[in-house]
Structures are given as C-alpha cells and as structure tokens.
Amino acid sequence: MRTVTFYTTTGGKCPIRDFLDSLSAKAAQKVAWVLSLLEDLEVVPSTYFKKLSGTEGIWECRIRFGSNAYRLFCFFIDKGEVVITHGLVKKSRRIPINEIQKAEAYRKDFLKRRMRENNE
C-alpha cells in the first residue's frame, strides 16, 4: 500500500533513526508495529495517524506505550510514500510549535532536494 521512508539531512543525519534508537526495545517494537499499519492499511485509524491542523501537509503518527505518548512527524510524497521526519515523547497536551516548524522545514528541504535531483 504505502512505503515508509526516513528523512535524512544533507549532512547524512537521520533524526527519526536517532529518536528510535533512544527508545526502549519494547517501545521501539510498538512504534514499528504502528509503522507497519501505516504501510499495510488503506485507511489508518485516527488513533494512530492524523493530519495536524494548521500545517502544510504534516501528519503525526500517534503511539501510546505504557504511560508514554510518542509522536512521529511525517508527510506524503506522491500517493504511496510517507516520509517520517522526527519524533518526540509527548509531555503536554499540545505539541510544541517548534517541533511542528521543524517538521515543516524538513519537508521543504526534502521536496527542494528531490526537485533538484529530478531536474538533473
């Protein structure tokens, strides 16, 4: 159905991989399960996947494990590919605006580099 890709900076840093590496093995396993839902299900329940209102194409993968809530930020390219940018442990009701801005900046960077590659 869909392909999940991890965003990488021009310097080779992969923020989502760094975040996943910081999680416990069991929490990382739960995240992997939710990402497999994202790949396999045509319609992913909003419990796990939701568009962030007021953003330019940014979605959040929502994962609960134990008493923690994790959020992975992502965006679509084409119909079948989702690019995961970075994640956080959600500690308050609202997602910090700087995290949303970071996801939007990663999206712009990714799309700009992709357009440049396609034009070469």
PDB file of N, CA and C in Angstrom:
ATOM      1  N   MET A   1       0.817  -1.191   0.000  1.00  0.00           N
ATOM      2  CA  MET A   1       0.000   0.000   0.000  1.00  0.00           C
ATOM      3  C   MET A   1       0.871   1.269   0.000  1.00  0.00           C
ATOM      4  N   ARG A   2       1.575   1.500   1.110  1.00  0.00           N
ATOM      5  CA  ARG A   2       2.434   2.681   1.226  1.00  0.00           C
ATOM      6  C   ARG A   2       3.857   2.245   1.547  1.00  0.00           C
ATOM      7  N   THR A   3       4.779   3.133   1.259  1.00  0.00           N
ATOM      8  CA  THR A   3       6.175   2.929   1.621  1.00  0.00           C
ATOM      9  C   THR A   3       6.551   3.980   2.654  1.00  0.00           C
ATOM     10  N   VAL A   4       7.219   3.552   3.705  1.00  0.00           N
ATOM     11  CA  VAL A   4       7.695   4.478   4.730  1.00  0.00           C
ATOM     12  C   VAL A   4       9.182   4.707   4.501  1.00  0.00           C
ATOM     13  N   THR A   5       9.556   5.998   4.435  1.00  0.00           N
ATOM     14  CA  THR A   5      10.944   6.410   4.234  1.00  0.00           C
ATOM     15  C   THR A   5      11.343   7.312   5.394  1.00  0.00           C
ATOM     16  N   PHE A   6      12.595   7.238   5.801  1.00  0.00           N
ATOM     17  CA  PHE A   6      13.098   8.113   6.849  1.00  0.00           C
ATOM     18  C   PHE A   6      13.819   9.305   6.214  1.00  0.00           C
ATOM     19  N   TYR A   7      13.486  10.493   6.677  1.00  0.00           N
ATOM     20  CA  TYR A   7      14.141  11.715   6.217  1.00  0.00           C
ATOM     21  C   TYR A   7      15.589  11.733   6.694  1.00  0.00           C
ATOM     22  N   THR A   8      16.479  12.162   5.802  1.00  0.00           N
ATOM     23  CA  THR A   8      17.891  12.319   6.123  1.00  0.00           C
ATOM     24  C   THR A   8      18.325  13.720   5.699  1.00  0.00           C
ATOM     25  N   THR A   9      19.070  14.402   6.545  1.00  0.00           N
ATOM     26  CA  THR A   9      19.544  15.746   6.218  1.00  0.00           C
ATOM     27  C   THR A   9      20.619  15.670   5.146  1.00  0.00           C
ATOM     28  N   THR A  10      20.990  16.831   4.603  1.00  0.00           N
ATOM     29  CA  THR A  10      22.062  16.865   3.603  1.00  0.00           C
ATOM     30  C   THR A  10      23.379  16.385   4.207  1.00  0.00           C
ATOM     31  N   GLY A  11      23.535  16.548   5.506  1.00  0.00           N
ATOM     32  CA  GLY A  11      24.749  16.090   6.190  1.00  0.00           C
ATOM     33  C   GLY A  11      24.729  14.609   6.561  1.00  0.00           C
ATOM     34  N   GLY A  12      23.642  13.918   6.209  1.00  0.00           N
ATOM     35  CA  GLY A  12      23.561  12.478   6.477  1.00  0.00           C
ATOM     36  C   GLY A  12      22.940  12.117   7.812  1.00  0.00           C
ATOM     37  N   LYS A  13      22.481  13.104   8.569  1.00  0.00           N
ATOM     38  CA  LYS A  13      21.842  12.832   9.861  1.00  0.00           C
ATOM     39  C   LYS A  13      20.400  12.371   9.622  1.00  0.00           C
ATOM     40  N   CYS A  14      19.961  11.398  10.418  1.00  0.00           N
ATOM     41  CA  CYS A  14      18.606  10.874  10.306  1.00  0.00           C
ATOM     42  C   CYS A  14      17.904  11.058  11.659  1.00  0.00           C
ATOM     43  N   PRO A  15      17.180  12.182  11.826  1.00  0.00           N
ATOM     44  CA  PRO A  15      16.575  12.485  13.125  1.00  0.00           C
ATOM     45  C   PRO A  15      15.644  11.393  13.653  1.00  0.00           C
ATOM     46  N   ILE A  16      14.870  10.766  12.785  1.00  0.00           N
ATOM     47  CA  ILE A  16      13.932   9.736  13.264  1.00  0.00           C
ATOM     48  C   ILE A  16      14.689   8.495  13.723  1.00  0.00           C
ATOM     49  N   ARG A  17      15.763   8.164  13.050  1.00  0.00           N
ATOM     50  CA  ARG A  17      16.556   6.996  13.480  1.00  0.00           C
ATOM     51  C   ARG A  17      17.176   7.265  14.852  1.00  0.00           C
ATOM     52  N   ASP A  18      17.664   8.495  15.057  1.00  0.00           N
ATOM     53  CA  ASP A  18      18.222   8.859  16.366  1.00  0.00           C
ATOM     54  C   ASP A  18      17.150   8.739  17.450  1.00  0.00           C
ATOM     55  N   PHE A  19      15.935   9.198  17.142  1.00  0.00           N
ATOM     56  CA  PHE A  19      14.847   9.106  18.110  1.00  0.00           C
ATOM     57  C   PHE A  19      14.513   7.648  18.416  1.00  0.00           C
ATOM     58  N   LEU A  20      14.385   6.831  17.380  1.00  0.00           N
ATOM     59  CA  LEU A  20      14.047   5.415  17.592  1.00  0.00           C
ATOM     60  C   LEU A  20      15.129   4.701  18.390  1.00  0.00           C
ATOM     61  N   ASP A  21      16.379   5.050  18.148  1.00  0.00           N
ATOM     62  CA  ASP A  21      17.489   4.441  18.893  1.00  0.00           C
ATOM     63  C   ASP A  21      17.449   4.803  20.373  1.00  0.00           C
ATOM     64  N   SER A  22      16.795   5.925  20.718  1.00  0.00           N
ATOM     65  CA  SER A  22      16.725   6.353  22.116  1.00  0.00           C
ATOM     66  C   SER A  22      15.624   5.626  22.899  1.00  0.00           C
ATOM     67  N   LEU A  23      14.744   4.914  22.195  1.00  0.00           N
ATOM     68  CA  LEU A  23      13.620   4.236  22.854  1.00  0.00           C
ATOM     69  C   LEU A  23      14.029   2.878  23.407  1.00  0.00           C
ATOM     70  N   SER A  24      13.261   2.409  24.381  1.00  0.00           N
ATOM     71  CA  SER A  24      13.473   1.043  24.876  1.00  0.00           C
ATOM     72  C   SER A  24      13.100   0.072  23.755  1.00  0.00           C
ATOM     73  N   ALA A  25      13.570  -1.149  23.856  1.00  0.00           N
ATOM     74  CA  ALA A  25      13.291  -2.148  22.827  1.00  0.00           C
ATOM     75  C   ALA A  25      11.786  -2.367  22.655  1.00  0.00           C
ATOM     76  N   LYS A  26      11.058  -2.435  23.759  1.00  0.00           N
ATOM     77  CA  LYS A  26       9.609  -2.674  23.680  1.00  0.00           C
ATOM     78  C   LYS A  26       8.864  -1.481  23.081  1.00  0.00           C
ATOM     79  N   ALA A  27       9.274  -0.267  23.433  1.00  0.00           N
ATOM     80  CA  ALA A  27       8.648   0.930  22.848  1.00  0.00           C
ATOM     81  C   ALA A  27       8.952   0.998  21.352  1.00  0.00           C
ATOM     82  N   ALA A  28      10.177   0.692  20.967  1.00  0.00           N
ATOM     83  CA  ALA A  28      10.550   0.690  19.552  1.00  0.00           C
ATOM     84  C   ALA A  28       9.759  -0.362  18.785  1.00  0.00           C
ATOM     85  N   GLN A  29       9.490  -1.494  19.429  1.00  0.00           N
ATOM     86  CA  GLN A  29       8.695  -2.553  18.813  1.00  0.00           C
ATOM     87  C   GLN A  29       7.262  -2.057  18.546  1.00  0.00           C
ATOM     88  N   LYS A  30       6.695  -1.326  19.489  1.00  0.00           N
ATOM     89  CA  LYS A  30       5.348  -0.773  19.319  1.00  0.00           C
ATOM     90  C   LYS A  30       5.345   0.250  18.182  1.00  0.00           C
ATOM     91  N   VAL A  31       6.365   1.094  18.110  1.00  0.00           N
ATOM     92  CA  VAL A  31       6.470   2.066  17.022  1.00  0.00           C
ATOM     93  C   VAL A  31       6.542   1.339  15.677  1.00  0.00           C
ATOM     94  N   ALA A  32       7.344   0.300  15.598  1.00  0.00           N
ATOM     95  CA  ALA A  32       7.469  -0.475  14.355  1.00  0.00           C
ATOM     96  C   ALA A  32       6.124  -1.079  13.960  1.00  0.00           C
ATOM     97  N   TRP A  33       5.350  -1.528  14.938  1.00  0.00           N
ATOM     98  CA  TRP A  33       4.027  -2.094  14.661  1.00  0.00           C
ATOM     99  C   TRP A  33       3.103  -1.034  14.067  1.00  0.00           C
ATOM    100  N   VAL A  34       3.113   0.184  14.636  1.00  0.00           N
ATOM    101  CA  VAL A  34       2.270   1.264  14.112  1.00  0.00           C
ATOM    102  C   VAL A  34       2.732   1.655  12.702  1.00  0.00           C
ATOM    103  N   LEU A  35       4.028   1.682  12.464  1.00  0.00           N
ATOM    104  CA  LEU A  35       4.521   1.995  11.112  1.00  0.00           C
ATOM    105  C   LEU A  35       4.111   0.921  10.114  1.00  0.00           C
ATOM    106  N   SER A  36       4.023  -0.327  10.566  1.00  0.00           N
ATOM    107  CA  SER A  36       3.556  -1.388   9.661  1.00  0.00           C
ATOM    108  C   SER A  36       2.070  -1.198   9.326  1.00  0.00           C
ATOM    109  N   LEU A  37       1.283  -0.677  10.287  1.00  0.00           N
ATOM    110  CA  LEU A  37      -0.123  -0.338   9.986  1.00  0.00           C
ATOM    111  C   LEU A  37      -0.171   0.738   8.899  1.00  0.00           C
ATOM    112  N   LEU A  38       0.680   1.710   9.032  1.00  0.00           N
ATOM    113  CA  LEU A  38       0.746   2.804   8.076  1.00  0.00           C
ATOM    114  C   LEU A  38       1.067   2.282   6.674  1.00  0.00           C
ATOM    115  N   GLU A  39       1.942   1.283   6.608  1.00  0.00           N
ATOM    116  CA  GLU A  39       2.299   0.687   5.314  1.00  0.00           C
ATOM    117  C   GLU A  39       1.192  -0.202   4.759  1.00  0.00           C
ATOM    118  N   ASP A  40       0.522  -0.941   5.631  1.00  0.00           N
ATOM    119  CA  ASP A  40      -0.375  -2.001   5.173  1.00  0.00           C
ATOM    120  C   ASP A  40      -1.847  -1.629   5.043  1.00  0.00           C
ATOM    121  N   LEU A  41      -2.335  -0.712   5.866  1.00  0.00           N
ATOM    122  CA  LEU A  41      -3.763  -0.391   5.850  1.00  0.00           C
ATOM    123  C   LEU A  41      -4.060   0.754   4.888  1.00  0.00           C
ATOM    124  N   GLU A  42      -5.130   0.604   4.127  1.00  0.00           N
ATOM    125  CA  GLU A  42      -5.537   1.682   3.227  1.00  0.00           C
ATOM    126  C   GLU A  42      -6.019   2.890   4.029  1.00  0.00           C
ATOM    127  N   VAL A  43      -6.818   2.622   5.062  1.00  0.00           N
ATOM    128  CA  VAL A  43      -7.297   3.679   5.946  1.00  0.00           C
ATOM    129  C   VAL A  43      -6.770   3.377   7.345  1.00  0.00           C
ATOM    130  N   VAL A  44      -5.872   4.224   7.828  1.00  0.00           N
ATOM    131  CA  VAL A  44      -5.288   4.040   9.155  1.00  0.00           C
ATOM    132  C   VAL A  44      -6.168   4.770  10.162  1.00  0.00           C
ATOM    133  N   PRO A  45      -6.596   4.099  11.241  1.00  0.00           N
ATOM    134  CA  PRO A  45      -7.437   4.767  12.246  1.00  0.00           C
ATOM    135  C   PRO A  45      -6.764   6.024  12.810  1.00  0.00           C
ATOM    136  N   SER A  46      -7.575   7.052  13.090  1.00  0.00           N
ATOM    137  CA  SER A  46      -7.027   8.317  13.603  1.00  0.00           C
ATOM    138  C   SER A  46      -6.382   8.147  14.978  1.00  0.00           C
ATOM    139  N   THR A  47      -6.632   7.029  15.628  1.00  0.00           N
ATOM    140  CA  THR A  47      -5.940   6.714  16.876  1.00  0.00           C
ATOM    141  C   THR A  47      -4.433   6.691  16.632  1.00  0.00           C
ATOM    142  N   TYR A  48      -4.037   6.265  15.428  1.00  0.00           N
ATOM    143  CA  TYR A  48      -2.629   6.084  15.104  1.00  0.00           C
ATOM    144  C   TYR A  48      -2.067   7.088  14.108  1.00  0.00           C
ATOM    145  N   PHE A  49      -2.939   7.767  13.355  1.00  0.00           N
ATOM    146  CA  PHE A  49      -2.449   8.606  12.263  1.00  0.00           C
ATOM    147  C   PHE A  49      -3.421   9.746  12.020  1.00  0.00           C
ATOM    148  N   LYS A  50      -2.912  10.985  12.077  1.00  0.00           N
ATOM    149  CA  LYS A  50      -3.798  12.134  11.967  1.00  0.00           C
ATOM    150  C   LYS A  50      -3.058  13.324  11.369  1.00  0.00           C
ATOM    151  N   LYS A  51      -3.752  14.082  10.520  1.00  0.00           N
ATOM    152  CA  LYS A  51      -3.189  15.315   9.952  1.00  0.00           C
ATOM    153  C   LYS A  51      -3.179  16.380  11.034  1.00  0.00           C
ATOM    154  N   LEU A  52      -2.098  17.119  11.123  1.00  0.00           N
ATOM    155  CA  LEU A  52      -2.012  18.221  12.077  1.00  0.00           C
ATOM    156  C   LEU A  52      -2.666  19.450  11.448  1.00  0.00           C
ATOM    157  N   SER A  53      -3.706  19.939  12.067  1.00  0.00           N
ATOM    158  CA  SER A  53      -4.412  21.092  11.512  1.00  0.00           C
ATOM    159  C   SER A  53      -3.518  22.329  11.571  1.00  0.00           C
ATOM    160  N   GLY A  54      -3.692  23.190  10.583  1.00  0.00           N
ATOM    161  CA  GLY A  54      -2.910  24.419  10.529  1.00  0.00           C
ATOM    162  C   GLY A  54      -1.499  24.236  10.005  1.00  0.00           C
ATOM    163  N   THR A  55      -1.204  23.047   9.462  1.00  0.00           N
ATOM    164  CA  THR A  55       0.132  22.798   8.914  1.00  0.00           C
ATOM    165  C   THR A  55       0.028  22.586   7.414  1.00  0.00           C
ATOM    166  N   GLU A  56       1.170  22.655   6.787  1.00  0.00           N
ATOM    167  CA  GLU A  56       1.232  22.426   5.353  1.00  0.00           C
ATOM    168  C   GLU A  56       1.638  20.970   5.094  1.00  0.00           C
ATOM    169  N   GLY A  57       0.666  20.082   5.195  1.00  0.00           N
ATOM    170  CA  GLY A  57       0.908  18.686   4.850  1.00  0.00           C
ATOM    171  C   GLY A  57       1.629  17.854   5.885  1.00  0.00           C
ATOM    172  N   ILE A  58       1.633  18.270   7.145  1.00  0.00           N
ATOM    173  CA  ILE A  58       2.311  17.493   8.186  1.00  0.00           C
ATOM    174  C   ILE A  58       1.289  16.610   8.900  1.00  0.00           C
ATOM    175  N   TRP A  59       1.643  15.356   9.055  1.00  0.00           N
ATOM    176  CA  TRP A  59       0.827  14.362   9.749  1.00  0.00           C
ATOM    177  C   TRP A  59       1.593  13.889  10.972  1.00  0.00           C
ATOM    178  N   GLU A  60       0.867  13.273  11.904  1.00  0.00           N
ATOM    179  CA  GLU A  60       1.525  12.682  13.066  1.00  0.00           C
ATOM    180  C   GLU A  60       1.115  11.229  13.193  1.00  0.00           C
ATOM    181  N   CYS A  61       2.109  10.391  13.452  1.00  0.00           N
ATOM    182  CA  CYS A  61       1.879   9.004  13.842  1.00  0.00           C
ATOM    183  C   CYS A  61       1.783   9.039  15.351  1.00  0.00           C
ATOM    184  N   ARG A  62       0.719   8.444  15.873  1.00  0.00           N
ATOM    185  CA  ARG A  62       0.465   8.531  17.310  1.00  0.00           C
ATOM    186  C   ARG A  62       0.630   7.147  17.930  1.00  0.00           C
ATOM    187  N   ILE A  63       1.512   7.068  18.906  1.00  0.00           N
ATOM    188  CA  ILE A  63       1.799   5.790  19.543  1.00  0.00           C
ATOM    189  C   ILE A  63       1.713   5.963  21.050  1.00  0.00           C
ATOM    190  N   ARG A  64       1.008   5.052  21.675  1.00  0.00           N
ATOM    191  CA  ARG A  64       0.949   5.007  23.138  1.00  0.00           C
ATOM    192  C   ARG A  64       1.622   3.715  23.573  1.00  0.00           C
ATOM    193  N   PHE A  65       2.500   3.853  24.551  1.00  0.00           N
ATOM    194  CA  PHE A  65       3.133   2.664  25.113  1.00  0.00           C
ATOM    195  C   PHE A  65       3.332   2.913  26.594  1.00  0.00           C
ATOM    196  N   GLY A  66       2.700   2.089  27.406  1.00  0.00           N
ATOM    197  CA  GLY A  66       2.752   2.296  28.845  1.00  0.00           C
ATOM    198  C   GLY A  66       2.132   3.644  29.161  1.00  0.00           C
ATOM    199  N   SER A  67       2.812   4.453  29.941  1.00  0.00           N
ATOM    200  CA  SER A  67       2.288   5.776  30.292  1.00  0.00           C
ATOM    201  C   SER A  67       2.792   6.859  29.341  1.00  0.00           C
ATOM    202  N   ASN A  68       3.556   6.476  28.322  1.00  0.00           N
ATOM    203  CA  ASN A  68       4.130   7.450  27.393  1.00  0.00           C
ATOM    204  C   ASN A  68       3.322   7.576  26.114  1.00  0.00           C
ATOM    205  N   ALA A  69       3.325   8.778  25.562  1.00  0.00           N
ATOM    206  CA  ALA A  69       2.746   9.040  24.250  1.00  0.00           C
ATOM    207  C   ALA A  69       3.881   9.514  23.345  1.00  0.00           C
ATOM    208  N   TYR A  70       4.031   8.855  22.217  1.00  0.00           N
ATOM    209  CA  TYR A  70       5.069   9.206  21.253  1.00  0.00           C
ATOM    210  C   TYR A  70       4.406   9.781  20.016  1.00  0.00           C
ATOM    211  N   ARG A  71       5.083  10.744  19.400  1.00  0.00           N
ATOM    212  CA  ARG A  71       4.608  11.329  18.155  1.00  0.00           C
ATOM    213  C   ARG A  71       5.741  11.307  17.140  1.00  0.00           C
ATOM    214  N   LEU A  72       5.425  10.787  15.958  1.00  0.00           N
ATOM    215  CA  LEU A  72       6.349  10.816  14.829  1.00  0.00           C
ATOM    216  C   LEU A  72       5.742  11.741  13.795  1.00  0.00           C
ATOM    217  N   PHE A  73       6.514  12.665  13.283  1.00  0.00           N
ATOM    218  CA  PHE A  73       6.020  13.618  12.303  1.00  0.00           C
ATOM    219  C   PHE A  73       6.371  13.133  10.906  1.00  0.00           C
ATOM    220  N   CYS A  74       5.451  13.352   9.973  1.00  0.00           N
ATOM    221  CA  CYS A  74       5.670  12.845   8.627  1.00  0.00           C
ATOM    222  C   CYS A  74       4.875  13.652   7.606  1.00  0.00           C
ATOM    223  N   PHE A  75       5.132  13.350   6.335  1.00  0.00           N
ATOM    224  CA  PHE A  75       4.399  13.962   5.231  1.00  0.00           C
ATOM    225  C   PHE A  75       4.364  12.979   4.073  1.00  0.00           C
ATOM    226  N   PHE A  76       3.434  13.205   3.167  1.00  0.00           N
ATOM    227  CA  PHE A  76       3.290  12.353   1.990  1.00  0.00           C
ATOM    228  C   PHE A  76       4.036  12.957   0.811  1.00  0.00           C
ATOM    229  N   ILE A  77       4.628  12.080   0.023  1.00  0.00           N
ATOM    230  CA  ILE A  77       5.077  12.466  -1.308  1.00  0.00           C
ATOM    231  C   ILE A  77       4.447  11.436  -2.229  1.00  0.00           C
ATOM    232  N   ASP A  78       3.921  11.905  -3.318  1.00  0.00           N
ATOM    233  CA  ASP A  78       3.139  11.046  -4.189  1.00  0.00           C
ATOM    234  C   ASP A  78       1.988  10.462  -3.360  1.00  0.00           C
ATOM    235  N   LYS A  79       1.354   9.450  -3.840  1.00  0.00           N
ATOM    236  CA  LYS A  79       0.247   8.846  -3.085  1.00  0.00           C
ATOM    237  C   LYS A  79       0.738   7.778  -2.130  1.00  0.00           C
ATOM    238  N   GLY A  80       1.779   7.069  -2.521  1.00  0.00           N
ATOM    239  CA  GLY A  80       2.140   5.886  -1.768  1.00  0.00           C
ATOM    240  C   GLY A  80       3.383   5.948  -0.919  1.00  0.00           C
ATOM    241  N   GLU A  81       3.946   7.137  -0.717  1.00  0.00           N
ATOM    242  CA  GLU A  81       5.155   7.211   0.096  1.00  0.00           C
ATOM    243  C   GLU A  81       4.987   8.227   1.213  1.00  0.00           C
ATOM    244  N   VAL A  82       5.361   7.798   2.420  1.00  0.00           N
ATOM    245  CA  VAL A  82       5.309   8.651   3.598  1.00  0.00           C
ATOM    246  C   VAL A  82       6.737   8.819   4.102  1.00  0.00           C
ATOM    247  N   VAL A  83       7.135  10.071   4.325  1.00  0.00           N
ATOM    248  CA  VAL A  83       8.474  10.366   4.832  1.00  0.00           C
ATOM    249  C   VAL A  83       8.340  10.750   6.302  1.00  0.00           C
ATOM    250  N   ILE A  84       8.992   9.973   7.174  1.00  0.00           N
ATOM    251  CA  ILE A  84       8.991  10.239   8.613  1.00  0.00           C
ATOM    252  C   ILE A  84      10.179  11.159   8.910  1.00  0.00           C
ATOM    253  N   THR A  85       9.912  12.286   9.572  1.00  0.00           N
ATOM    254  CA  THR A  85      10.992  13.247   9.803  1.00  0.00           C
ATOM    255  C   THR A  85      11.666  13.065  11.151  1.00  0.00           C
ATOM    256  N   HIS A  86      10.894  13.137  12.224  1.00  0.00           N
ATOM    257  CA  HIS A  86      11.476  13.039  13.563  1.00  0.00           C
ATOM    258  C   HIS A  86      10.367  12.680  14.551  1.00  0.00           C
ATOM    259  N   GLY A  87      10.747  12.451  15.791  1.00  0.00           N
ATOM    260  CA  GLY A  87       9.765  12.071  16.797  1.00  0.00           C
ATOM    261  C   GLY A  87      10.039  12.728  18.126  1.00  0.00           C
ATOM    262  N   LEU A  88       9.072  12.582  19.013  1.00  0.00           N
ATOM    263  CA  LEU A  88       9.226  13.107  20.364  1.00  0.00           C
ATOM    264  C   LEU A  88       8.363  12.313  21.333  1.00  0.00           C
ATOM    265  N   VAL A  89       8.715  12.442  22.597  1.00  0.00           N
ATOM    266  CA  VAL A  89       7.872  11.915  23.663  1.00  0.00           C
ATOM    267  C   VAL A  89       6.957  13.070  24.045  1.00  0.00           C
ATOM    268  N   LYS A  90       5.671  12.875  23.905  1.00  0.00           N
ATOM    269  CA  LYS A  90       4.714  13.945  24.166  1.00  0.00           C
ATOM    270  C   LYS A  90       4.515  14.078  25.664  1.00  0.00           C
ATOM    271  N   LYS A  91       4.780  15.274  26.180  1.00  0.00           N
ATOM    272  CA  LYS A  91       4.702  15.501  27.623  1.00  0.00           C
ATOM    273  C   LYS A  91       3.582  16.448  28.013  1.00  0.00           C
ATOM    274  N   SER A  92       2.974  17.119  27.034  1.00  0.00           N
ATOM    275  CA  SER A  92       1.883  18.045  27.336  1.00  0.00           C
ATOM    276  C   SER A  92       0.749  17.821  26.336  1.00  0.00           C
ATOM    277  N   ARG A  93      -0.338  18.490  26.588  1.00  0.00           N
ATOM    278  CA  ARG A  93      -1.499  18.324  25.722  1.00  0.00           C
ATOM    279  C   ARG A  93      -1.246  18.779  24.296  1.00  0.00           C
ATOM    280  N   ARG A  94      -0.542  19.871  24.161  1.00  0.00           N
ATOM    281  CA  ARG A  94      -0.282  20.432  22.840  1.00  0.00           C
ATOM    282  C   ARG A  94       1.131  20.074  22.381  1.00  0.00           C
ATOM    283  N   ILE A  95       1.254  19.886  21.087  1.00  0.00           N
ATOM    284  CA  ILE A  95       2.575  19.630  20.516  1.00  0.00           C
ATOM    285  C   ILE A  95       3.314  20.961  20.416  1.00  0.00           C
ATOM    286  N   PRO A  96       4.551  21.018  20.893  1.00  0.00           N
ATOM    287  CA  PRO A  96       5.308  22.278  20.818  1.00  0.00           C
ATOM    288  C   PRO A  96       5.413  22.788  19.377  1.00  0.00           C
ATOM    289  N   ILE A  97       5.159  24.065  19.188  1.00  0.00           N
ATOM    290  CA  ILE A  97       5.163  24.665  17.854  1.00  0.00           C
ATOM    291  C   ILE A  97       6.511  24.502  17.165  1.00  0.00           C
ATOM    292  N   ASN A  98       7.605  24.535  17.944  1.00  0.00           N
ATOM    293  CA  ASN A  98       8.928  24.386  17.316  1.00  0.00           C
ATOM    294  C   ASN A  98       9.102  23.001  16.690  1.00  0.00           C
ATOM    295  N   GLU A  99       8.428  21.983  17.229  1.00  0.00           N
ATOM    296  CA  GLU A  99       8.508  20.637  16.644  1.00  0.00           C
ATOM    297  C   GLU A  99       7.745  20.577  15.318  1.00  0.00           C
ATOM    298  N   ILE A 100       6.621  21.278  15.260  1.00  0.00           N
ATOM    299  CA  ILE A 100       5.849  21.338  14.013  1.00  0.00           C
ATOM    300  C   ILE A 100       6.645  22.121  12.967  1.00  0.00           C
ATOM    301  N   GLN A 101       7.246  23.215  13.379  1.00  0.00           N
ATOM    302  CA  GLN A 101       8.067  24.014  12.461  1.00  0.00           C
ATOM    303  C   GLN A 101       9.258  23.212  11.944  1.00  0.00           C
ATOM    304  N   LYS A 102       9.828  22.387  12.801  1.00  0.00           N
ATOM    305  CA  LYS A 102      10.945  21.538  12.393  1.00  0.00           C
ATOM    306  C   LYS A 102      10.482  20.552  11.313  1.00  0.00           C
ATOM    307  N   ALA A 103       9.320  19.943  11.523  1.00  0.00           N
ATOM    308  CA  ALA A 103       8.773  19.004  10.532  1.00  0.00           C
ATOM    309  C   ALA A 103       8.517  19.713   9.201  1.00  0.00           C
ATOM    310  N   GLU A 104       7.972  20.930   9.265  1.00  0.00           N
ATOM    311  CA  GLU A 104       7.717  21.688   8.039  1.00  0.00           C
ATOM    312  C   GLU A 104       9.023  22.051   7.326  1.00  0.00           C
ATOM    313  N   ALA A 105      10.051  22.409   8.077  1.00  0.00           N
ATOM    314  CA  ALA A 105      11.354  22.734   7.477  1.00  0.00           C
ATOM    315  C   ALA A 105      11.961  21.489   6.827  1.00  0.00           C
ATOM    316  N   TYR A 106      11.867  20.341   7.494  1.00  0.00           N
ATOM    317  CA  TYR A 106      12.375  19.094   6.919  1.00  0.00           C
ATOM    318  C   TYR A 106      11.627  18.769   5.620  1.00  0.00           C
ATOM    319  N   ARG A 107      10.316  18.977   5.624  1.00  0.00           N
ATOM    320  CA  ARG A 107       9.501  18.710   4.426  1.00  0.00           C
ATOM    321  C   ARG A 107       9.967  19.595   3.266  1.00  0.00           C
ATOM    322  N   LYS A 108      10.117  20.893   3.522  1.00  0.00           N
ATOM    323  CA  LYS A 108      10.558  21.825   2.470  1.00  0.00           C
ATOM    324  C   LYS A 108      11.924  21.433   1.937  1.00  0.00           C
ATOM    325  N   ASP A 109      12.840  21.089   2.844  1.00  0.00           N
ATOM    326  CA  ASP A 109      14.184  20.673   2.437  1.00  0.00           C
ATOM    327  C   ASP A 109      14.120  19.417   1.570  1.00  0.00           C
ATOM    328  N   PHE A 110      13.346  18.442   1.996  1.00  0.00           N
ATOM    329  CA  PHE A 110      13.231  17.181   1.263  1.00  0.00           C
ATOM    330  C   PHE A 110      12.690  17.424  -0.142  1.00  0.00           C
ATOM    331  N   LEU A 111      11.602  18.190  -0.222  1.00  0.00           N
ATOM    332  CA  LEU A 111      10.971  18.437  -1.518  1.00  0.00           C
ATOM    333  C   LEU A 111      11.876  19.251  -2.441  1.00  0.00           C
ATOM    334  N   LYS A 112      12.598  20.229  -1.892  1.00  0.00           N
ATOM    335  CA  LYS A 112      13.525  21.044  -2.688  1.00  0.00           C
ATOM    336  C   LYS A 112      14.646  20.169  -3.252  1.00  0.00           C
ATOM    337  N   ARG A 113      15.220  19.325  -2.402  1.00  0.00           N
ATOM    338  CA  ARG A 113      16.304  18.444  -2.874  1.00  0.00           C
ATOM    339  C   ARG A 113      15.798  17.439  -3.897  1.00  0.00           C
ATOM    340  N   ARG A 114      14.591  16.939  -3.677  1.00  0.00           N
ATOM    341  CA  ARG A 114      14.017  15.959  -4.610  1.00  0.00           C
ATOM    342  C   ARG A 114      13.766  16.598  -5.974  1.00  0.00           C
ATOM    343  N   MET A 115      13.256  17.832  -5.987  1.00  0.00           N
ATOM    344  CA  MET A 115      13.008  18.522  -7.244  1.00  0.00           C
ATOM    345  C   MET A 115      14.324  18.765  -7.972  1.00  0.00           C
ATOM    346  N   ARG A 116      15.355  19.148  -7.219  1.00  0.00           N
ATOM    347  CA  ARG A 116      16.666  19.380  -7.811  1.00  0.00           C
ATOM    348  C   ARG A 116      17.216  18.088  -8.437  1.00  0.00           C
ATOM    349  N   GLU A 117      17.059  16.968  -7.743  1.00  0.00           N
ATOM    350  CA  GLU A 117      17.526  15.673  -8.267  1.00  0.00           C
ATOM    351  C   GLU A 117      16.765  15.291  -9.521  1.00  0.00           C
ATOM    352  N   ASN A 118      15.466  15.533  -9.548  1.00  0.00           N
ATOM    353  CA  ASN A 118      14.654  15.174 -10.725  1.00  0.00           C
ATOM    354  C   ASN A 118      14.965  16.039 -11.930  1.00  0.00           C
ATOM    355  N   ASN A 119      15.476  17.244 -11.696  1.00  0.00           N
ATOM    356  CA  ASN A 119      15.796  18.146 -12.806  1.00  0.00           C
ATOM    357  C   ASN A 119      17.205  17.938 -13.356  1.00  0.00           C
ATOM    358  N   GLU A 120      18.005  17.132 -12.675  1.00  0.00           N
ATOM    359  CA  GLU A 120      19.385  16.903 -13.143  1.00  0.00           C
ATOM    360  C   GLU A 120      19.438  15.836 -14.200  1.00  0.00           C
TER     361      GLU A 120
END
